[in-house]
PDB file of all heavy atoms in Angstrom:
ATOM      1  N   LYS A   1      77.258  87.254 121.530  1.00  0.00           N
ATOM      2  CA  LYS A   1      78.403  88.102 121.207  1.00  0.00           C
ATOM      3  C   LYS A   1      78.720  88.060 119.713  1.00  0.00           C
ATOM      4  O   LYS A   1      79.025  89.082 119.097  1.00  0.00           O
ATOM      5  CB  LYS A   1      79.616  87.673 122.036  1.00  0.00           C
ATOM      6  CG  LYS A   1      79.425  87.871 123.536  1.00  0.00           C
ATOM      7  CD  LYS A   1      80.623  87.363 124.323  1.00  0.00           C
ATOM      8  CE  LYS A   1      80.356  87.429 125.824  1.00  0.00           C
ATOM      9  NZ  LYS A   1      80.125  88.792 126.314  1.00  0.00           N
ATOM     10  N   LEU A   2      78.632  86.870 119.138  1.00  0.00           N
ATOM     11  CA  LEU A   2      78.908  86.712 117.716  1.00  0.00           C
ATOM     12  C   LEU A   2      77.934  87.539 116.881  1.00  0.00           C
ATOM     13  O   LEU A   2      78.342  88.297 115.981  1.00  0.00           O
ATOM     14  CB  LEU A   2      78.811  85.235 117.326  1.00  0.00           C
ATOM     15  CG  LEU A   2      78.984  84.888 115.857  1.00  0.00           C
ATOM     16  CD1 LEU A   2      80.377  85.241 115.385  1.00  0.00           C
ATOM     17  CD2 LEU A   2      78.706  83.415 115.620  1.00  0.00           C
ATOM     18  N   LEU A   3      76.652  87.430 117.167  1.00  0.00           N
ATOM     19  CA  LEU A   3      75.638  88.154 116.399  1.00  0.00           C
ATOM     20  C   LEU A   3      75.746  89.659 116.609  1.00  0.00           C
ATOM     21  O   LEU A   3      75.498  90.448 115.688  1.00  0.00           O
ATOM     22  CB  LEU A   3      74.244  87.669 116.784  1.00  0.00           C
ATOM     23  CG  LEU A   3      73.910  86.229 116.383  1.00  0.00           C
ATOM     24  CD1 LEU A   3      72.545  85.814 116.930  1.00  0.00           C
ATOM     25  CD2 LEU A   3      73.940  86.069 114.865  1.00  0.00           C
ATOM     26  N   ALA A   4      76.137  90.061 117.817  1.00  0.00           N
ATOM     27  CA  ALA A   4      76.281  91.490 118.104  1.00  0.00           C
ATOM     28  C   ALA A   4      77.392  92.128 117.275  1.00  0.00           C
ATOM     29  O   ALA A   4      77.313  93.307 116.916  1.00  0.00           O
ATOM     30  CB  ALA A   4      76.560  91.693 119.595  1.00  0.00           C
ATOM     31  N   ILE A   5      78.416  91.361 116.970  1.00  0.00           N
ATOM     32  CA  ILE A   5      79.576  91.883 116.251  1.00  0.00           C
ATOM     33  C   ILE A   5      79.317  92.008 114.749  1.00  0.00           C
ATOM     34  O   ILE A   5      79.799  92.950 114.102  1.00  0.00           O
ATOM     35  CB  ILE A   5      80.795  90.964 116.506  1.00  0.00           C
ATOM     36  CG1 ILE A   5      81.280  91.116 117.959  1.00  0.00           C
ATOM     37  CG2 ILE A   5      81.935  91.250 115.521  1.00  0.00           C
ATOM     38  CD1 ILE A   5      82.253  90.035 118.378  1.00  0.00           C
ATOM     39  N   LEU A   6      78.549  91.100 114.188  1.00  0.00           N
ATOM     40  CA  LEU A   6      78.459  90.979 112.732  1.00  0.00           C
ATOM     41  C   LEU A   6      78.003  92.241 112.009  1.00  0.00           C
ATOM     42  O   LEU A   6      78.655  92.678 111.056  1.00  0.00           O
ATOM     43  CB  LEU A   6      77.539  89.806 112.363  1.00  0.00           C
ATOM     44  CG  LEU A   6      78.061  88.407 112.686  1.00  0.00           C
ATOM     45  CD1 LEU A   6      77.073  87.355 112.180  1.00  0.00           C
ATOM     46  CD2 LEU A   6      79.440  88.165 112.064  1.00  0.00           C
ATOM     47  N   LEU A   7      76.886  92.830 112.421  1.00  0.00           N
ATOM     48  CA  LEU A   7      76.351  93.958 111.660  1.00  0.00           C
ATOM     49  C   LEU A   7      77.213  95.223 111.745  1.00  0.00           C
ATOM     50  O   LEU A   7      77.514  95.824 110.707  1.00  0.00           O
ATOM     51  CB  LEU A   7      74.912  94.248 112.086  1.00  0.00           C
ATOM     52  CG  LEU A   7      73.861  93.301 111.499  1.00  0.00           C
ATOM     53  CD1 LEU A   7      72.470  93.657 112.024  1.00  0.00           C
ATOM     54  CD2 LEU A   7      73.855  93.360 109.972  1.00  0.00           C
ATOM     55  N   PRO A   8      77.642  95.679 112.942  1.00  0.00           N
ATOM     56  CA  PRO A   8      78.462  96.894 112.968  1.00  0.00           C
ATOM     57  C   PRO A   8      79.781  96.752 112.203  1.00  0.00           C
ATOM     58  O   PRO A   8      80.195  97.679 111.503  1.00  0.00           O
ATOM     59  CB  PRO A   8      78.716  97.118 114.468  1.00  0.00           C
ATOM     60  CG  PRO A   8      77.597  96.415 115.153  1.00  0.00           C
ATOM     61  CD  PRO A   8      77.307  95.216 114.310  1.00  0.00           C
ATOM     62  N   ILE A   9      80.424  95.592 112.320  1.00  0.00           N
ATOM     63  CA  ILE A   9      81.707  95.418 111.633  1.00  0.00           C
ATOM     64  C   ILE A   9      81.503  95.274 110.128  1.00  0.00           C
ATOM     65  O   ILE A   9      82.230  95.878 109.323  1.00  0.00           O
ATOM     66  CB  ILE A   9      82.467  94.205 112.205  1.00  0.00           C
ATOM     67  CG1 ILE A   9      82.728  94.406 113.698  1.00  0.00           C
ATOM     68  CG2 ILE A   9      83.789  94.010 111.456  1.00  0.00           C
ATOM     69  CD1 ILE A   9      83.464  95.678 114.048  1.00  0.00           C
ATOM     70  N   SER A  10      80.502  94.504 109.721  1.00  0.00           N
ATOM     71  CA  SER A  10      80.191  94.396 108.295  1.00  0.00           C
ATOM     72  C   SER A  10      79.864  95.766 107.719  1.00  0.00           C
ATOM     73  O   SER A  10      80.240  96.083 106.577  1.00  0.00           O
ATOM     74  CB  SER A  10      79.008  93.456 108.066  1.00  0.00           C
ATOM     75  OG  SER A  10      79.319  92.147 108.477  1.00  0.00           O
ATOM     76  N   ALA A  11      79.175  96.584 108.506  1.00  0.00           N
ATOM     77  CA  ALA A  11      78.783  97.917 108.040  1.00  0.00           C
ATOM     78  C   ALA A  11      80.002  98.795 107.792  1.00  0.00           C
ATOM     79  O   ALA A  11      80.099  99.451 106.746  1.00  0.00           O
ATOM     80  CB  ALA A  11      77.860  98.573 109.066  1.00  0.00           C
ATOM     81  N   PHE A  12      80.950  98.837 108.731  1.00  0.00           N
ATOM     82  CA  PHE A  12      82.080  99.744 108.534  1.00  0.00           C
ATOM     83  C   PHE A  12      82.923  99.320 107.336  1.00  0.00           C
ATOM     84  O   PHE A  12      83.430 100.176 106.580  1.00  0.00           O
ATOM     85  CB  PHE A  12      82.898  99.900 109.830  1.00  0.00           C
ATOM     86  CG  PHE A  12      84.212  99.169 109.906  1.00  0.00           C
ATOM     87  CD1 PHE A  12      85.272  99.482 109.073  1.00  0.00           C
ATOM     88  CD2 PHE A  12      84.411  98.178 110.866  1.00  0.00           C
ATOM     89  CE1 PHE A  12      86.495  98.815 109.170  1.00  0.00           C
ATOM     90  CE2 PHE A  12      85.619  97.514 110.967  1.00  0.00           C
ATOM     91  CZ  PHE A  12      86.666  97.838 110.107  1.00  0.00           C
ATOM     92  N   VAL A  13      83.051  98.037 107.101  1.00  0.00           N
ATOM     93  CA  VAL A  13      83.821  97.570 105.947  1.00  0.00           C
ATOM     94  C   VAL A  13      83.075  97.869 104.651  1.00  0.00           C
ATOM     95  O   VAL A  13      83.655  98.363 103.676  1.00  0.00           O
ATOM     96  CB  VAL A  13      84.121  96.067 106.073  1.00  0.00           C
ATOM     97  CG1 VAL A  13      84.865  95.568 104.826  1.00  0.00           C
ATOM     98  CG2 VAL A  13      84.945  95.783 107.325  1.00  0.00           C
ATOM     99  N   THR A  14      81.783  97.583 104.631  1.00  0.00           N
ATOM    100  CA  THR A  14      80.970  97.833 103.443  1.00  0.00           C
ATOM    101  C   THR A  14      80.985  99.312 103.065  1.00  0.00           C
ATOM    102  O   THR A  14      81.038  99.669 101.883  1.00  0.00           O
ATOM    103  CB  THR A  14      79.517  97.381 103.681  1.00  0.00           C
ATOM    104  OG1 THR A  14      79.507  95.999 104.051  1.00  0.00           O
ATOM    105  CG2 THR A  14      78.666  97.560 102.423  1.00  0.00           C
ATOM    106  N   LEU A  15      80.980 100.177 104.067  1.00  0.00           N
ATOM    107  CA  LEU A  15      80.954 101.620 103.846  1.00  0.00           C
ATOM    108  C   LEU A  15      82.317 102.204 103.485  1.00  0.00           C
ATOM    109  O   LEU A  15      82.423 103.407 103.220  1.00  0.00           O
ATOM    110  CB  LEU A  15      80.408 102.316 105.097  1.00  0.00           C
ATOM    111  CG  LEU A  15      78.944 102.007 105.439  1.00  0.00           C
ATOM    112  CD1 LEU A  15      78.590 102.551 106.816  1.00  0.00           C
ATOM    113  CD2 LEU A  15      78.021 102.581 104.380  1.00  0.00           C
ATOM    114  N   GLY A  16      83.348 101.390 103.502  1.00  0.00           N
ATOM    115  CA  GLY A  16      84.673 101.873 103.122  1.00  0.00           C
ATOM    116  C   GLY A  16      85.346 102.722 104.179  1.00  0.00           C
ATOM    117  O   GLY A  16      86.170 103.587 103.861  1.00  0.00           O
ATOM    118  N   LEU A  17      85.023 102.482 105.450  1.00  0.00           N
ATOM    119  CA  LEU A  17      85.626 103.246 106.533  1.00  0.00           C
ATOM    120  C   LEU A  17      87.014 102.691 106.857  1.00  0.00           C
ATOM    121  O   LEU A  17      87.403 101.639 106.352  1.00  0.00           O
ATOM    122  CB  LEU A  17      84.696 103.248 107.741  1.00  0.00           C
ATOM    123  CG  LEU A  17      83.274 103.749 107.428  1.00  0.00           C
ATOM    124  CD1 LEU A  17      82.393 103.731 108.671  1.00  0.00           C
ATOM    125  CD2 LEU A  17      83.300 105.139 106.809  1.00  0.00           C
ATOM    126  N   GLU A  18      87.756 103.416 107.715  1.00  0.00           N
ATOM    127  CA  GLU A  18      89.179 103.121 107.891  1.00  0.00           C
ATOM    128  C   GLU A  18      89.516 102.699 109.321  1.00  0.00           C
ATOM    129  O   GLU A  18      89.237 103.437 110.276  1.00  0.00           O
ATOM    130  CB  GLU A  18      90.017 104.352 107.512  1.00  0.00           C
ATOM    131  CG  GLU A  18      89.917 104.743 106.051  1.00  0.00           C
ATOM    132  CD  GLU A  18      90.739 103.823 105.152  1.00  0.00           C
ATOM    133  OE1 GLU A  18      91.900 103.526 105.479  1.00  0.00           O
ATOM    134  OE2 GLU A  18      90.204 103.397 104.108  1.00  0.00           O
ATOM    135  N   HIS A  19      90.154 101.542 109.443  1.00  0.00           N
ATOM    136  CA  HIS A  19      90.542 100.967 110.734  1.00  0.00           C
ATOM    137  C   HIS A  19      92.067 100.937 110.807  1.00  0.00           C
ATOM    138  O   HIS A  19      92.726 100.289 109.993  1.00  0.00           O
ATOM    139  CB  HIS A  19      89.972  99.554 110.854  1.00  0.00           C
ATOM    140  CG  HIS A  19      90.124  98.937 112.201  1.00  0.00           C
ATOM    141  ND1 HIS A  19      91.246  98.229 112.573  1.00  0.00           N
ATOM    142  CD2 HIS A  19      89.282  98.914 113.270  1.00  0.00           C
ATOM    143  CE1 HIS A  19      91.098  97.796 113.813  1.00  0.00           C
ATOM    144  NE2 HIS A  19      89.918  98.192 114.260  1.00  0.00           N
ATOM    145  N   SER A  20      92.626 101.647 111.782  1.00  0.00           N
ATOM    146  CA  SER A  20      94.075 101.821 111.839  1.00  0.00           C
ATOM    147  C   SER A  20      94.835 100.507 111.942  1.00  0.00           C
ATOM    148  O   SER A  20      95.867 100.322 111.269  1.00  0.00           O
ATOM    149  CB  SER A  20      94.459 102.730 113.015  1.00  0.00           C
ATOM    150  OG  SER A  20      93.963 102.209 114.248  1.00  0.00           O
ATOM    151  N   ILE A  21      94.360  99.585 112.759  1.00  0.00           N
ATOM    152  CA  ILE A  21      95.100  98.337 112.942  1.00  0.00           C
ATOM    153  C   ILE A  21      94.990  97.461 111.701  1.00  0.00           C
ATOM    154  O   ILE A  21      95.987  96.863 111.269  1.00  0.00           O
ATOM    155  CB  ILE A  21      94.597  97.590 114.204  1.00  0.00           C
ATOM    156  CG1 ILE A  21      94.697  98.508 115.433  1.00  0.00           C
ATOM    157  CG2 ILE A  21      95.421  96.319 114.419  1.00  0.00           C
ATOM    158  CD1 ILE A  21      96.061  99.147 115.664  1.00  0.00           C
ATOM    159  N   ALA A  22      93.816  97.401 111.095  1.00  0.00           N
ATOM    160  CA  ALA A  22      93.693  96.662 109.829  1.00  0.00           C
ATOM    161  C   ALA A  22      94.622  97.253 108.779  1.00  0.00           C
ATOM    162  O   ALA A  22      95.233  96.523 107.984  1.00  0.00           O
ATOM    163  CB  ALA A  22      92.253  96.699 109.341  1.00  0.00           C
ATOM    164  N   ASN A  23      94.772  98.583 108.795  1.00  0.00           N
ATOM    165  CA  ASN A  23      95.639  99.231 107.810  1.00  0.00           C
ATOM    166  C   ASN A  23      97.112  98.921 108.046  1.00  0.00           C
ATOM    167  O   ASN A  23      97.928  99.035 107.123  1.00  0.00           O
ATOM    168  CB  ASN A  23      95.403 100.738 107.800  1.00  0.00           C
ATOM    169  CG  ASN A  23      94.101 101.099 107.118  1.00  0.00           C
ATOM    170  OD1 ASN A  23      93.344 100.221 106.699  1.00  0.00           O
ATOM    171  ND2 ASN A  23      93.816 102.380 107.004  1.00  0.00           N
ATOM    172  N   TRP A  24      97.459  98.520 109.271  1.00  0.00           N
ATOM    173  CA  TRP A  24      98.832  98.071 109.529  1.00  0.00           C
ATOM    174  C   TRP A  24      99.092  96.704 108.899  1.00  0.00           C
ATOM    175  O   TRP A  24     100.236  96.263 108.836  1.00  0.00           O
ATOM    176  CB  TRP A  24      99.119  98.036 111.030  1.00  0.00           C
ATOM    177  CG  TRP A  24      99.640  99.338 111.559  1.00  0.00           C
ATOM    178  CD1 TRP A  24      98.975 100.268 112.298  1.00  0.00           C
ATOM    179  CD2 TRP A  24     100.958  99.857 111.381  1.00  0.00           C
ATOM    180  NE1 TRP A  24      99.788 101.333 112.591  1.00  0.00           N
ATOM    181  CE2 TRP A  24     101.016 101.104 112.037  1.00  0.00           C
ATOM    182  CE3 TRP A  24     102.111  99.397 110.733  1.00  0.00           C
ATOM    183  CZ2 TRP A  24     102.168 101.904 112.062  1.00  0.00           C
ATOM    184  CZ3 TRP A  24     103.254 100.176 110.765  1.00  0.00           C
ATOM    185  CH2 TRP A  24     103.280 101.407 111.414  1.00  0.00           C
ATOM    186  N   PHE A  25      98.034  96.041 108.440  1.00  0.00           N
ATOM    187  CA  PHE A  25      98.203  94.856 107.600  1.00  0.00           C
ATOM    188  C   PHE A  25      98.101  95.227 106.126  1.00  0.00           C
ATOM    189  O   PHE A  25      98.989  94.926 105.330  1.00  0.00           O
ATOM    190  CB  PHE A  25      97.160  93.787 107.913  1.00  0.00           C
ATOM    191  CG  PHE A  25      97.198  92.635 106.947  1.00  0.00           C
ATOM    192  CD1 PHE A  25      98.136  91.617 107.082  1.00  0.00           C
ATOM    193  CD2 PHE A  25      96.331  92.582 105.854  1.00  0.00           C
ATOM    194  CE1 PHE A  25      98.206  90.574 106.163  1.00  0.00           C
ATOM    195  CE2 PHE A  25      96.383  91.542 104.937  1.00  0.00           C
ATOM    196  CZ  PHE A  25      97.330  90.543 105.091  1.00  0.00           C
ATOM    197  N   PHE A  26      97.012  95.912 105.748  1.00  0.00           N
ATOM    198  CA  PHE A  26      96.772  96.219 104.341  1.00  0.00           C
ATOM    199  C   PHE A  26      97.941  96.986 103.702  1.00  0.00           C
ATOM    200  O   PHE A  26      98.388  96.638 102.600  1.00  0.00           O
ATOM    201  CB  PHE A  26      95.502  97.072 104.198  1.00  0.00           C
ATOM    202  CG  PHE A  26      94.216  96.321 104.325  1.00  0.00           C
ATOM    203  CD1 PHE A  26      93.252  96.715 105.253  1.00  0.00           C
ATOM    204  CD2 PHE A  26      93.925  95.237 103.505  1.00  0.00           C
ATOM    205  CE1 PHE A  26      92.043  96.048 105.360  1.00  0.00           C
ATOM    206  CE2 PHE A  26      92.722  94.544 103.602  1.00  0.00           C
ATOM    207  CZ  PHE A  26      91.770  94.961 104.534  1.00  0.00           C
ATOM    208  N   LEU A  27      98.413  98.031 104.367  1.00  0.00           N
ATOM    209  CA  LEU A  27      99.427  98.898 103.765  1.00  0.00           C
ATOM    210  C   LEU A  27     100.807  98.237 103.681  1.00  0.00           C
ATOM    211  O   LEU A  27     101.413  98.218 102.600  1.00  0.00           O
ATOM    212  CB  LEU A  27      99.473 100.234 104.506  1.00  0.00           C
ATOM    213  CG  LEU A  27      98.253 101.131 104.234  1.00  0.00           C
ATOM    214  CD1 LEU A  27      98.144 102.235 105.269  1.00  0.00           C
ATOM    215  CD2 LEU A  27      98.318 101.735 102.840  1.00  0.00           C
ATOM    216  N   PRO A  28     101.333  97.655 104.779  1.00  0.00           N
ATOM    217  CA  PRO A  28     102.621  96.961 104.641  1.00  0.00           C
ATOM    218  C   PRO A  28     102.575  95.785 103.670  1.00  0.00           C
ATOM    219  O   PRO A  28     103.551  95.540 102.950  1.00  0.00           O
ATOM    220  CB  PRO A  28     102.919  96.487 106.074  1.00  0.00           C
ATOM    221  CG  PRO A  28     102.208  97.457 106.942  1.00  0.00           C
ATOM    222  CD  PRO A  28     100.937  97.770 106.192  1.00  0.00           C
ATOM    223  N   TYR A  29     101.442  95.090 103.621  1.00  0.00           N
ATOM    224  CA  TYR A  29     101.312  93.971 102.689  1.00  0.00           C
ATOM    225  C   TYR A  29     101.372  94.481 101.248  1.00  0.00           C
ATOM    226  O   TYR A  29     102.074  93.921 100.398  1.00  0.00           O
ATOM    227  CB  TYR A  29     100.007  93.231 102.954  1.00  0.00           C
ATOM    228  CG  TYR A  29      99.843  91.935 102.168  1.00  0.00           C
ATOM    229  CD1 TYR A  29     100.917  91.063 101.983  1.00  0.00           C
ATOM    230  CD2 TYR A  29      98.604  91.584 101.632  1.00  0.00           C
ATOM    231  CE1 TYR A  29     100.757  89.869 101.279  1.00  0.00           C
ATOM    232  CE2 TYR A  29      98.433  90.392 100.935  1.00  0.00           C
ATOM    233  CZ  TYR A  29      99.519  89.540 100.749  1.00  0.00           C
ATOM    234  OH  TYR A  29      99.361  88.367 100.048  1.00  0.00           O
ATOM    235  N   GLY A  30     100.633  95.548 100.976  1.00  0.00           N
ATOM    236  CA  GLY A  30     100.671  96.126  99.642  1.00  0.00           C
ATOM    237  C   GLY A  30     102.050  96.643  99.274  1.00  0.00           C
ATOM    238  O   GLY A  30     102.531  96.438  98.148  1.00  0.00           O
ATOM    239  N   LEU A  31     102.714  97.296 100.218  1.00  0.00           N
ATOM    240  CA  LEU A  31     104.073  97.794  99.966  1.00  0.00           C
ATOM    241  C   LEU A  31     105.030  96.655  99.654  1.00  0.00           C
ATOM    242  O   LEU A  31     105.891  96.759  98.775  1.00  0.00           O
ATOM    243  CB  LEU A  31     104.566  98.584 101.181  1.00  0.00           C
ATOM    244  CG  LEU A  31     103.973  99.985 101.369  1.00  0.00           C
ATOM    245  CD1 LEU A  31     104.266 100.500 102.765  1.00  0.00           C
ATOM    246  CD2 LEU A  31     104.553 100.950 100.329  1.00  0.00           C
ATOM    247  N   ALA A  32     104.868  95.547 100.381  1.00  0.00           N
ATOM    248  CA  ALA A  32     105.757  94.399 100.167  1.00  0.00           C
ATOM    249  C   ALA A  32     105.520  93.746  98.806  1.00  0.00           C
ATOM    250  O   ALA A  32     106.450  93.197  98.200  1.00  0.00           O
ATOM    251  CB  ALA A  32     105.548  93.373 101.279  1.00  0.00           C
ATOM    252  N   LEU A  33     104.287  93.815  98.315  1.00  0.00           N
ATOM    253  CA  LEU A  33     103.960  93.203  97.024  1.00  0.00           C
ATOM    254  C   LEU A  33     104.358  94.081  95.846  1.00  0.00           C
ATOM    255  O   LEU A  33     104.497  93.592  94.726  1.00  0.00           O
ATOM    256  CB  LEU A  33     102.453  92.923  96.945  1.00  0.00           C
ATOM    257  CG  LEU A  33     101.905  91.849  97.885  1.00  0.00           C
ATOM    258  CD1 LEU A  33     100.381  91.799  97.788  1.00  0.00           C
ATOM    259  CD2 LEU A  33     102.501  90.482  97.565  1.00  0.00           C
ATOM    260  N   ASP A  34     104.529  95.367  96.096  1.00  0.00           N
ATOM    261  CA  ASP A  34     104.841  96.318  95.041  1.00  0.00           C
ATOM    262  C   ASP A  34     106.329  96.627  95.034  1.00  0.00           C
ATOM    263  O   ASP A  34     106.856  97.210  95.979  1.00  0.00           O
ATOM    264  CB  ASP A  34     104.039  97.603  95.250  1.00  0.00           C
ATOM    265  CG  ASP A  34     104.211  98.592  94.108  1.00  0.00           C
ATOM    266  OD1 ASP A  34     104.878  98.250  93.107  1.00  0.00           O
ATOM    267  OD2 ASP A  34     103.667  99.696  94.215  1.00  0.00           O
ATOM    268  N   GLY A  35     106.990  96.262  93.971  1.00  0.00           N
ATOM    269  CA  GLY A  35     108.426  96.530  93.873  1.00  0.00           C
ATOM    270  C   GLY A  35     108.757  98.006  93.887  1.00  0.00           C
ATOM    271  O   GLY A  35     109.857  98.412  94.267  1.00  0.00           O
ATOM    272  N   ASN A  36     107.785  98.854  93.499  1.00  0.00           N
ATOM    273  CA  ASN A  36     107.990 100.301  93.488  1.00  0.00           C
ATOM    274  C   ASN A  36     107.178 100.976  94.588  1.00  0.00           C
ATOM    275  O   ASN A  36     106.778 102.129  94.453  1.00  0.00           O
ATOM    276  CB  ASN A  36     107.580 100.880  92.118  1.00  0.00           C
ATOM    277  CG  ASN A  36     108.413 100.316  90.988  1.00  0.00           C
ATOM    278  OD1 ASN A  36     109.629 100.232  91.094  1.00  0.00           O
ATOM    279  ND2 ASN A  36     107.764  99.912  89.903  1.00  0.00           N
ATOM    280  N   GLY A  37     106.948 100.255  95.648  1.00  0.00           N
ATOM    281  CA  GLY A  37     106.100 100.753  96.722  1.00  0.00           C
ATOM    282  C   GLY A  37     106.610 101.990  97.425  1.00  0.00           C
ATOM    283  O   GLY A  37     105.843 102.715  98.056  1.00  0.00           O
ATOM    284  N   SER A  38     107.904 102.257  97.325  1.00  0.00           N
ATOM    285  CA  SER A  38     108.471 103.429  97.995  1.00  0.00           C
ATOM    286  C   SER A  38     107.841 104.716  97.494  1.00  0.00           C
ATOM    287  O   SER A  38     107.843 105.734  98.184  1.00  0.00           O
ATOM    288  CB  SER A  38     109.988 103.473  97.795  1.00  0.00           C
ATOM    289  OG  SER A  38     110.305 103.512  96.407  1.00  0.00           O
ATOM    290  N   GLY A  39     107.251 104.676  96.287  1.00  0.00           N
ATOM    291  CA  GLY A  39     106.631 105.860  95.716  1.00  0.00           C
ATOM    292  C   GLY A  39     105.399 106.306  96.473  1.00  0.00           C
ATOM    293  O   GLY A  39     105.015 107.478  96.396  1.00  0.00           O
TER     294      GLY A  39
END
């Protein structure tokens, strides 16, 4: 199971594709770090 997961997931990240749940971390985290994030 571990080996099956590695290549497809590494590929989508390397290719710059978009994962909605990961973005629920990336975007709120970035907004919280940016004092002018409301823009």
